[in-house]
Structure formats: structure tokens, C-alpha cells
Amino acid sequence: MKKQIPKFKNEDEEREFWSKADSTDYVDWSKGKRVVFPNLKPSVKTISLRLPESLLEELKMLANKKDVPYQSLLKVYLAEKVGEELKTA
């Protein structure tokens, strides 16, 4: 039998509790179900990136050929390269 989850006065109190408590004492994770949030968008952060003009123009040409925005293409290329590097690290 699992322990009863206490009532919390606020989020800070709950956060403090869960930072120290073992959730397996309170929740039967074997009964958990996977949930999909299709409309949830990942957090993004705007950055400033300085690129040589020639590289930017080449990126724009490639994006035009693929009929996608150049910034989207740049994100895809960065994600692919980071994924490759993490696999070999």
C-alpha cells in the first residue's frame, strides 16, 4: 500500500516535498500511462548569430531549393550535427 500524498499550501511547499521524497513511495508507476501533448511547443530562445555573408547566402540558396525558410533549415542542420556529435562523444 502506498503512502498518502500530503496536501500542500502552495507550489513552493510541494516542490520542497518532492525534492526530498521518493515518488515510488506514493505513486504506483506501473499503472502509469504514456500521454502525448500534440499542441505543446518546445521552449525556444532567440539568439543573435554572426555568420559570414557568403555562408548566409549559401544557406538561403539551399533553403530556397528545398522551399523552406532558411532559419528552419539552419535549425535542422544544427540539430543533426549536435545529434551526431552526442552519439560519438
PDB file of N, CA and C in Angstrom:
ATOM      1  N   MET A   1       0.845  -1.195   0.000  1.00  0.00           N
ATOM      2  CA  MET A   1       0.000   0.000   0.000  1.00  0.00           C
ATOM      3  C   MET A   1       0.883   1.248   0.000  1.00  0.00           C
ATOM      4  N   LYS A   2       0.543   2.201  -0.820  1.00  0.00           N
ATOM      5  CA  LYS A   2       1.331   3.429  -0.977  1.00  0.00           C
ATOM      6  C   LYS A   2       0.940   4.452   0.088  1.00  0.00           C
ATOM      7  N   LYS A   3       1.894   5.335   0.375  1.00  0.00           N
ATOM      8  CA  LYS A   3       1.645   6.423   1.326  1.00  0.00           C
ATOM      9  C   LYS A   3       0.710   7.455   0.713  1.00  0.00           C
ATOM     10  N   GLN A   4      -0.019   8.171   1.568  1.00  0.00           N
ATOM     11  CA  GLN A   4      -0.927   9.236   1.132  1.00  0.00           C
ATOM     12  C   GLN A   4      -0.101  10.484   0.793  1.00  0.00           C
ATOM     13  N   ILE A   5      -0.375  11.089  -0.356  1.00  0.00           N
ATOM     14  CA  ILE A   5       0.301  12.336  -0.731  1.00  0.00           C
ATOM     15  C   ILE A   5      -0.273  13.454   0.130  1.00  0.00           C
ATOM     16  N   PRO A   6       0.575  14.208   0.809  1.00  0.00           N
ATOM     17  CA  PRO A   6       0.055  15.265   1.680  1.00  0.00           C
ATOM     18  C   PRO A   6      -0.574  16.409   0.891  1.00  0.00           C
ATOM     19  N   LYS A   7      -1.365  17.210   1.567  1.00  0.00           N
ATOM     20  CA  LYS A   7      -1.938  18.431   0.982  1.00  0.00           C
ATOM     21  C   LYS A   7      -0.894  19.533   1.135  1.00  0.00           C
ATOM     22  N   PHE A   8      -0.751  20.357   0.106  1.00  0.00           N
ATOM     23  CA  PHE A   8       0.254  21.410   0.119  1.00  0.00           C
ATOM     24  C   PHE A   8      -0.421  22.775   0.139  1.00  0.00           C
ATOM     25  N   LYS A   9       0.202  23.721   0.817  1.00  0.00           N
ATOM     26  CA  LYS A   9      -0.325  25.084   0.896  1.00  0.00           C
ATOM     27  C   LYS A   9      -0.065  25.847  -0.402  1.00  0.00           C
ATOM     28  N   ASN A  10       1.066  25.526  -1.053  1.00  0.00           N
ATOM     29  CA  ASN A  10       1.435  26.239  -2.276  1.00  0.00           C
ATOM     30  C   ASN A  10       2.439  25.400  -3.068  1.00  0.00           C
ATOM     31  N   GLU A  11       2.798  25.878  -4.242  1.00  0.00           N
ATOM     32  CA  GLU A  11       3.721  25.140  -5.111  1.00  0.00           C
ATOM     33  C   GLU A  11       5.113  25.022  -4.506  1.00  0.00           C
ATOM     34  N   ASP A  12       5.547  26.061  -3.797  1.00  0.00           N
ATOM     35  CA  ASP A  12       6.876  26.008  -3.174  1.00  0.00           C
ATOM     36  C   ASP A  12       6.960  24.874  -2.163  1.00  0.00           C
ATOM     37  N   GLU A  13       5.903  24.714  -1.365  1.00  0.00           N
ATOM     38  CA  GLU A  13       5.878  23.634  -0.378  1.00  0.00           C
ATOM     39  C   GLU A  13       5.886  22.271  -1.065  1.00  0.00           C
ATOM     40  N   GLU A  14       5.116  22.150  -2.143  1.00  0.00           N
ATOM     41  CA  GLU A  14       5.077  20.890  -2.886  1.00  0.00           C
ATOM     42  C   GLU A  14       6.425  20.593  -3.533  1.00  0.00           C
ATOM     43  N   ARG A  15       7.029  21.630  -4.116  1.00  0.00           N
ATOM     44  CA  ARG A  15       8.347  21.467  -4.745  1.00  0.00           C
ATOM     45  C   ARG A  15       9.371  20.989  -3.723  1.00  0.00           C
ATOM     46  N   GLU A  16       9.355  21.577  -2.545  1.00  0.00           N
ATOM     47  CA  GLU A  16      10.275  21.194  -1.475  1.00  0.00           C
ATOM     48  C   GLU A  16      10.054  19.736  -1.071  1.00  0.00           C
ATOM     49  N   PHE A  17       8.788  19.337  -0.944  1.00  0.00           N
ATOM     50  CA  PHE A  17       8.461  17.963  -0.569  1.00  0.00           C
ATOM     51  C   PHE A  17       9.011  16.963  -1.587  1.00  0.00           C
ATOM     52  N   TRP A  18       8.705  17.200  -2.879  1.00  0.00           N
ATOM     53  CA  TRP A  18       9.110  16.246  -3.909  1.00  0.00           C
ATOM     54  C   TRP A  18      10.615  16.252  -4.162  1.00  0.00           C
ATOM     55  N   SER A  19      11.308  17.318  -3.785  1.00  0.00           N
ATOM     56  CA  SER A  19      12.760  17.331  -3.953  1.00  0.00           C
ATOM     57  C   SER A  19      13.436  16.368  -2.982  1.00  0.00           C
ATOM     58  N   LYS A  20      12.715  15.994  -1.906  1.00  0.00           N
ATOM     59  CA  LYS A  20      13.292  15.097  -0.885  1.00  0.00           C
ATOM     60  C   LYS A  20      12.618  13.725  -0.844  1.00  0.00           C
ATOM     61  N   ALA A  21      11.373  13.644  -1.300  1.00  0.00           N
ATOM     62  CA  ALA A  21      10.609  12.402  -1.204  1.00  0.00           C
ATOM     63  C   ALA A  21      10.881  11.494  -2.401  1.00  0.00           C
ATOM     64  N   ASP A  22      10.746  10.200  -2.185  1.00  0.00           N
ATOM     65  CA  ASP A  22      10.845   9.212  -3.259  1.00  0.00           C
ATOM     66  C   ASP A  22       9.435   8.969  -3.785  1.00  0.00           C
ATOM     67  N   SER A  23       9.181   9.330  -5.028  1.00  0.00           N
ATOM     68  CA  SER A  23       7.826   9.238  -5.575  1.00  0.00           C
ATOM     69  C   SER A  23       7.302   7.805  -5.609  1.00  0.00           C
ATOM     70  N   THR A  24       8.184   6.810  -5.637  1.00  0.00           N
ATOM     71  CA  THR A  24       7.724   5.422  -5.674  1.00  0.00           C
ATOM     72  C   THR A  24       7.058   5.014  -4.362  1.00  0.00           C
ATOM     73  N   ASP A  25       7.278   5.787  -3.306  1.00  0.00           N
ATOM     74  CA  ASP A  25       6.579   5.529  -2.041  1.00  0.00           C
ATOM     75  C   ASP A  25       5.130   6.006  -2.105  1.00  0.00           C
ATOM     76  N   TYR A  26       4.805   6.863  -3.059  1.00  0.00           N
ATOM     77  CA  TYR A  26       3.494   7.493  -3.137  1.00  0.00           C
ATOM     78  C   TYR A  26       2.714   7.157  -4.396  1.00  0.00           C
ATOM     79  N   VAL A  27       3.409   6.781  -5.451  1.00  0.00           N
ATOM     80  CA  VAL A  27       2.751   6.566  -6.740  1.00  0.00           C
ATOM     81  C   VAL A  27       3.125   5.183  -7.275  1.00  0.00           C
ATOM     82  N   ASP A  28       2.123   4.457  -7.768  1.00  0.00           N
ATOM     83  CA  ASP A  28       2.375   3.162  -8.412  1.00  0.00           C
ATOM     84  C   ASP A  28       2.609   3.428  -9.890  1.00  0.00           C
ATOM     85  N   TRP A  29       3.870   3.583 -10.263  1.00  0.00           N
ATOM     86  CA  TRP A  29       4.212   3.945 -11.638  1.00  0.00           C
ATOM     87  C   TRP A  29       3.906   2.842 -12.639  1.00  0.00           C
ATOM     88  N   SER A  30       3.687   1.602 -12.179  1.00  0.00           N
ATOM     89  CA  SER A  30       3.350   0.516 -13.115  1.00  0.00           C
ATOM     90  C   SER A  30       1.970   0.731 -13.728  1.00  0.00           C
ATOM     91  N   LYS A  31       1.140   1.561 -13.100  1.00  0.00           N
ATOM     92  CA  LYS A  31      -0.186   1.849 -13.631  1.00  0.00           C
ATOM     93  C   LYS A  31      -0.210   3.134 -14.462  1.00  0.00           C
ATOM     94  N   GLY A  32       0.960   3.737 -14.632  1.00  0.00           N
ATOM     95  CA  GLY A  32       1.049   4.980 -15.399  1.00  0.00           C
ATOM     96  C   GLY A  32       0.804   4.740 -16.880  1.00  0.00           C
ATOM     97  N   LYS A  33       0.295   5.757 -17.546  1.00  0.00           N
ATOM     98  CA  LYS A  33       0.041   5.679 -18.978  1.00  0.00           C
ATOM     99  C   LYS A  33       0.802   6.792 -19.675  1.00  0.00           C
ATOM    100  N   ARG A  34       1.321   6.489 -20.839  1.00  0.00           N
ATOM    101  CA  ARG A  34       2.033   7.475 -21.636  1.00  0.00           C
ATOM    102  C   ARG A  34       1.024   8.458 -22.229  1.00  0.00           C
ATOM    103  N   VAL A  35       1.358   9.725 -22.168  1.00  0.00           N
ATOM    104  CA  VAL A  35       0.471  10.772 -22.656  1.00  0.00           C
ATOM    105  C   VAL A  35       1.203  11.564 -23.733  1.00  0.00           C
ATOM    106  N   VAL A  36       0.466  11.981 -24.747  1.00  0.00           N
ATOM    107  CA  VAL A  36       1.029  12.784 -25.819  1.00  0.00           C
ATOM    108  C   VAL A  36       0.342  14.151 -25.792  1.00  0.00           C
ATOM    109  N   PHE A  37       1.141  15.206 -25.855  1.00  0.00           N
ATOM    110  CA  PHE A  37       0.623  16.565 -25.912  1.00  0.00           C
ATOM    111  C   PHE A  37       0.942  17.119 -27.304  1.00  0.00           C
ATOM    112  N   PRO A  38       0.068  16.886 -28.277  1.00  0.00           N
ATOM    113  CA  PRO A  38       0.385  17.247 -29.659  1.00  0.00           C
ATOM    114  C   PRO A  38       0.532  18.749 -29.906  1.00  0.00           C
ATOM    115  N   ASN A  39      -0.108  19.568 -29.098  1.00  0.00           N
ATOM    116  CA  ASN A  39      -0.059  21.010 -29.333  1.00  0.00           C
ATOM    117  C   ASN A  39       0.986  21.719 -28.480  1.00  0.00           C
ATOM    118  N   LEU A  40       1.760  20.963 -27.730  1.00  0.00           N
ATOM    119  CA  LEU A  40       2.781  21.544 -26.872  1.00  0.00           C
ATOM    120  C   LEU A  40       4.008  21.877 -27.712  1.00  0.00           C
ATOM    121  N   LYS A  41       4.404  23.114 -27.683  1.00  0.00           N
ATOM    122  CA  LYS A  41       5.564  23.537 -28.469  1.00  0.00           C
ATOM    123  C   LYS A  41       6.780  23.638 -27.557  1.00  0.00           C
ATOM    124  N   PRO A  42       7.944  23.199 -28.024  1.00  0.00           N
ATOM    125  CA  PRO A  42       9.132  23.301 -27.189  1.00  0.00           C
ATOM    126  C   PRO A  42       9.503  24.762 -26.948  1.00  0.00           C
ATOM    127  N   SER A  43      10.084  25.003 -25.808  1.00  0.00           N
ATOM    128  CA  SER A  43      10.542  26.358 -25.494  1.00  0.00           C
ATOM    129  C   SER A  43      11.656  26.747 -26.460  1.00  0.00           C
ATOM    130  N   VAL A  44      11.633  27.969 -26.881  1.00  0.00           N
ATOM    131  CA  VAL A  44      12.672  28.463 -27.776  1.00  0.00           C
ATOM    132  C   VAL A  44      13.270  29.729 -27.187  1.00  0.00           C
ATOM    133  N   LYS A  45      14.493  29.983 -27.548  1.00  0.00           N
ATOM    134  CA  LYS A  45      15.174  31.181 -27.094  1.00  0.00           C
ATOM    135  C   LYS A  45      15.761  31.873 -28.315  1.00  0.00           C
ATOM    136  N   THR A  46      15.549  33.149 -28.401  1.00  0.00           N
ATOM    137  CA  THR A  46      16.094  33.925 -29.508  1.00  0.00           C
ATOM    138  C   THR A  46      17.558  34.227 -29.228  1.00  0.00           C
ATOM    139  N   ILE A  47      18.384  33.993 -30.236  1.00  0.00           N
ATOM    140  CA  ILE A  47      19.811  34.306 -30.104  1.00  0.00           C
ATOM    141  C   ILE A  47      20.245  35.164 -31.288  1.00  0.00           C
ATOM    142  N   SER A  48      21.392  35.761 -31.128  1.00  0.00           N
ATOM    143  CA  SER A  48      21.998  36.525 -32.210  1.00  0.00           C
ATOM    144  C   SER A  48      23.185  35.698 -32.697  1.00  0.00           C
ATOM    145  N   LEU A  49      23.278  35.499 -33.974  1.00  0.00           N
ATOM    146  CA  LEU A  49      24.337  34.661 -34.525  1.00  0.00           C
ATOM    147  C   LEU A  49      24.995  35.400 -35.675  1.00  0.00           C
ATOM    148  N   ARG A  50      26.280  35.585 -35.581  1.00  0.00           N
ATOM    149  CA  ARG A  50      27.015  36.265 -36.648  1.00  0.00           C
ATOM    150  C   ARG A  50      27.586  35.214 -37.596  1.00  0.00           C
ATOM    151  N   LEU A  51      27.215  35.346 -38.878  1.00  0.00           N
ATOM    152  CA  LEU A  51      27.684  34.412 -39.899  1.00  0.00           C
ATOM    153  C   LEU A  51      28.350  35.203 -41.017  1.00  0.00           C
ATOM    154  N   PRO A  52      29.341  34.606 -41.660  1.00  0.00           N
ATOM    155  CA  PRO A  52      29.884  35.257 -42.861  1.00  0.00           C
ATOM    156  C   PRO A  52      28.751  35.406 -43.888  1.00  0.00           C
ATOM    157  N   GLU A  53      28.747  36.538 -44.567  1.00  0.00           N
ATOM    158  CA  GLU A  53      27.675  36.789 -45.537  1.00  0.00           C
ATOM    159  C   GLU A  53      27.589  35.699 -46.590  1.00  0.00           C
ATOM    160  N   SER A  54      28.744  35.199 -47.014  1.00  0.00           N
ATOM    161  CA  SER A  54      28.742  34.158 -48.052  1.00  0.00           C
ATOM    162  C   SER A  54      28.057  32.882 -47.545  1.00  0.00           C
ATOM    163  N   LEU A  55      28.290  32.523 -46.299  1.00  0.00           N
ATOM    164  CA  LEU A  55      27.655  31.334 -45.719  1.00  0.00           C
ATOM    165  C   LEU A  55      26.140  31.539 -45.625  1.00  0.00           C
ATOM    166  N   LEU A  56      25.739  32.714 -45.218  1.00  0.00           N
ATOM    167  CA  LEU A  56      24.315  33.016 -45.115  1.00  0.00           C
ATOM    168  C   LEU A  56      23.641  32.957 -46.492  1.00  0.00           C
ATOM    169  N   GLU A  57      24.300  33.492 -47.496  1.00  0.00           N
ATOM    170  CA  GLU A  57      23.732  33.459 -48.851  1.00  0.00           C
ATOM    171  C   GLU A  57      23.618  32.022 -49.354  1.00  0.00           C
ATOM    172  N   GLU A  58      24.627  31.201 -49.081  1.00  0.00           N
ATOM    173  CA  GLU A  58      24.567  29.796 -49.498  1.00  0.00           C
ATOM    174  C   GLU A  58      23.433  29.065 -48.772  1.00  0.00           C
ATOM    175  N   LEU A  59      23.281  29.356 -47.497  1.00  0.00           N
ATOM    176  CA  LEU A  59      22.197  28.750 -46.728  1.00  0.00           C
ATOM    177  C   LEU A  59      20.841  29.161 -47.303  1.00  0.00           C
ATOM    178  N   LYS A  60      20.703  30.413 -47.652  1.00  0.00           N
ATOM    179  CA  LYS A  60      19.457  30.901 -48.239  1.00  0.00           C
ATOM    180  C   LYS A  60      19.181  30.235 -49.589  1.00  0.00           C
ATOM    181  N   MET A  61      20.233  30.015 -50.389  1.00  0.00           N
ATOM    182  CA  MET A  61      20.049  29.335 -51.680  1.00  0.00           C
ATOM    183  C   MET A  61      19.583  27.899 -51.470  1.00  0.00           C
ATOM    184  N   LEU A  62      20.211  27.188 -50.526  1.00  0.00           N
ATOM    185  CA  LEU A  62      19.796  25.815 -50.237  1.00  0.00           C
ATOM    186  C   LEU A  62      18.351  25.777 -49.745  1.00  0.00           C
ATOM    187  N   ALA A  63      18.010  26.698 -48.864  1.00  0.00           N
ATOM    188  CA  ALA A  63      16.649  26.747 -48.331  1.00  0.00           C
ATOM    189  C   ALA A  63      15.640  27.017 -49.443  1.00  0.00           C
ATOM    190  N   ASN A  64      16.006  27.902 -50.356  1.00  0.00           N
ATOM    191  CA  ASN A  64      15.128  28.220 -51.482  1.00  0.00           C
ATOM    192  C   ASN A  64      14.900  26.985 -52.353  1.00  0.00           C
ATOM    193  N   LYS A  65      15.960  26.216 -52.587  1.00  0.00           N
ATOM    194  CA  LYS A  65      15.831  24.993 -53.384  1.00  0.00           C
ATOM    195  C   LYS A  65      14.910  23.988 -52.696  1.00  0.00           C
ATOM    196  N   LYS A  66      14.961  23.945 -51.367  1.00  0.00           N
ATOM    197  CA  LYS A  66      14.142  22.999 -50.602  1.00  0.00           C
ATOM    198  C   LYS A  66      12.774  23.586 -50.267  1.00  0.00           C
ATOM    199  N   ASP A  67      12.579  24.845 -50.625  1.00  0.00           N
ATOM    200  CA  ASP A  67      11.315  25.541 -50.371  1.00  0.00           C
ATOM    201  C   ASP A  67      10.968  25.577 -48.878  1.00  0.00           C
ATOM    202  N   VAL A  68      11.972  25.929 -48.073  1.00  0.00           N
ATOM    203  CA  VAL A  68      11.776  26.095 -46.626  1.00  0.00           C
ATOM    204  C   VAL A  68      12.438  27.408 -46.198  1.00  0.00           C
ATOM    205  N   PRO A  69      12.008  27.988 -45.088  1.00  0.00           N
ATOM    206  CA  PRO A  69      12.689  29.190 -44.590  1.00  0.00           C
ATOM    207  C   PRO A  69      14.129  28.856 -44.187  1.00  0.00           C
ATOM    208  N   TYR A  70      15.040  29.768 -44.454  1.00  0.00           N
ATOM    209  CA  TYR A  70      16.450  29.476 -44.181  1.00  0.00           C
ATOM    210  C   TYR A  70      16.720  29.262 -42.694  1.00  0.00           C
ATOM    211  N   GLN A  71      15.981  29.953 -41.823  1.00  0.00           N
ATOM    212  CA  GLN A  71      16.201  29.751 -40.393  1.00  0.00           C
ATOM    213  C   GLN A  71      15.765  28.354 -39.964  1.00  0.00           C
ATOM    214  N   SER A  72      14.704  27.854 -40.557  1.00  0.00           N
ATOM    215  CA  SER A  72      14.259  26.486 -40.257  1.00  0.00           C
ATOM    216  C   SER A  72      15.292  25.475 -40.728  1.00  0.00           C
ATOM    217  N   LEU A  73      15.840  25.702 -41.912  1.00  0.00           N
ATOM    218  CA  LEU A  73      16.868  24.804 -42.433  1.00  0.00           C
ATOM    219  C   LEU A  73      18.101  24.823 -41.534  1.00  0.00           C
ATOM    220  N   LEU A  74      18.480  25.994 -41.074  1.00  0.00           N
ATOM    221  CA  LEU A  74      19.624  26.111 -40.172  1.00  0.00           C
ATOM    222  C   LEU A  74      19.378  25.326 -38.889  1.00  0.00           C
ATOM    223  N   LYS A  75      18.169  25.392 -38.339  1.00  0.00           N
ATOM    224  CA  LYS A  75      17.843  24.633 -37.120  1.00  0.00           C
ATOM    225  C   LYS A  75      17.953  23.129 -37.366  1.00  0.00           C
ATOM    226  N   VAL A  76      17.487  22.682 -38.533  1.00  0.00           N
ATOM    227  CA  VAL A  76      17.579  21.255 -38.870  1.00  0.00           C
ATOM    228  C   VAL A  76      19.042  20.831 -38.952  1.00  0.00           C
ATOM    229  N   TYR A  77      19.860  21.623 -39.651  1.00  0.00           N
ATOM    230  CA  TYR A  77      21.282  21.291 -39.777  1.00  0.00           C
ATOM    231  C   TYR A  77      21.975  21.268 -38.418  1.00  0.00           C
ATOM    232  N   LEU A  78      21.676  22.234 -37.581  1.00  0.00           N
ATOM    233  CA  LEU A  78      22.289  22.271 -36.247  1.00  0.00           C
ATOM    234  C   LEU A  78      21.868  21.059 -35.415  1.00  0.00           C
ATOM    235  N   ALA A  79      20.579  20.730 -35.454  1.00  0.00           N
ATOM    236  CA  ALA A  79      20.077  19.590 -34.686  1.00  0.00           C
ATOM    237  C   ALA A  79      20.734  18.291 -35.142  1.00  0.00           C
ATOM    238  N   GLU A  80      20.877  18.121 -36.462  1.00  0.00           N
ATOM    239  CA  GLU A  80      21.520  16.915 -36.998  1.00  0.00           C
ATOM    240  C   GLU A  80      22.968  16.811 -36.524  1.00  0.00           C
ATOM    241  N   LYS A  81      23.702  17.897 -36.624  1.00  0.00           N
ATOM    242  CA  LYS A  81      25.113  17.881 -36.249  1.00  0.00           C
ATOM    243  C   LYS A  81      25.294  17.656 -34.751  1.00  0.00           C
ATOM    244  N   VAL A  82      24.476  18.304 -33.950  1.00  0.00           N
ATOM    245  CA  VAL A  82      24.559  18.114 -32.492  1.00  0.00           C
ATOM    246  C   VAL A  82      24.245  16.662 -32.150  1.00  0.00           C
ATOM    247  N   GLY A  83      23.242  16.096 -32.814  1.00  0.00           N
ATOM    248  CA  GLY A  83      22.908  14.681 -32.582  1.00  0.00           C
ATOM    249  C   GLY A  83      24.058  13.753 -32.930  1.00  0.00           C
ATOM    250  N   GLU A  84      24.708  14.019 -34.050  1.00  0.00           N
ATOM    251  CA  GLU A  84      25.865  13.217 -34.458  1.00  0.00           C
ATOM    252  C   GLU A  84      26.987  13.321 -33.427  1.00  0.00           C
ATOM    253  N   GLU A  85      27.279  14.529 -33.001  1.00  0.00           N
ATOM    254  CA  GLU A  85      28.371  14.753 -32.042  1.00  0.00           C
ATOM    255  C   GLU A  85      28.075  14.074 -30.705  1.00  0.00           C
ATOM    256  N   LEU A  86      26.829  14.114 -30.274  1.00  0.00           N
ATOM    257  CA  LEU A  86      26.476  13.480 -28.995  1.00  0.00           C
ATOM    258  C   LEU A  86      26.597  11.967 -29.061  1.00  0.00           C
ATOM    259  N   LYS A  87      26.327  11.400 -30.234  1.00  0.00           N
ATOM    260  CA  LYS A  87      26.449   9.933 -30.390  1.00  0.00           C
ATOM    261  C   LYS A  87      27.903   9.490 -30.321  1.00  0.00           C
ATOM    262  N   THR A  88      28.810  10.340 -30.800  1.00  0.00           N
ATOM    263  CA  THR A  88      30.222   9.956 -30.823  1.00  0.00           C
ATOM    264  C   THR A  88      30.979  10.392 -29.566  1.00  0.00           C
ATOM    265  N   ALA A  89      30.329  11.188 -28.743  1.00  0.00           N
ATOM    266  CA  ALA A  89      31.014  11.707 -27.533  1.00  0.00           C
ATOM    267  C   ALA A  89      31.111  10.666 -26.449  1.00  0.00           C
TER     268      ALA A  89
END
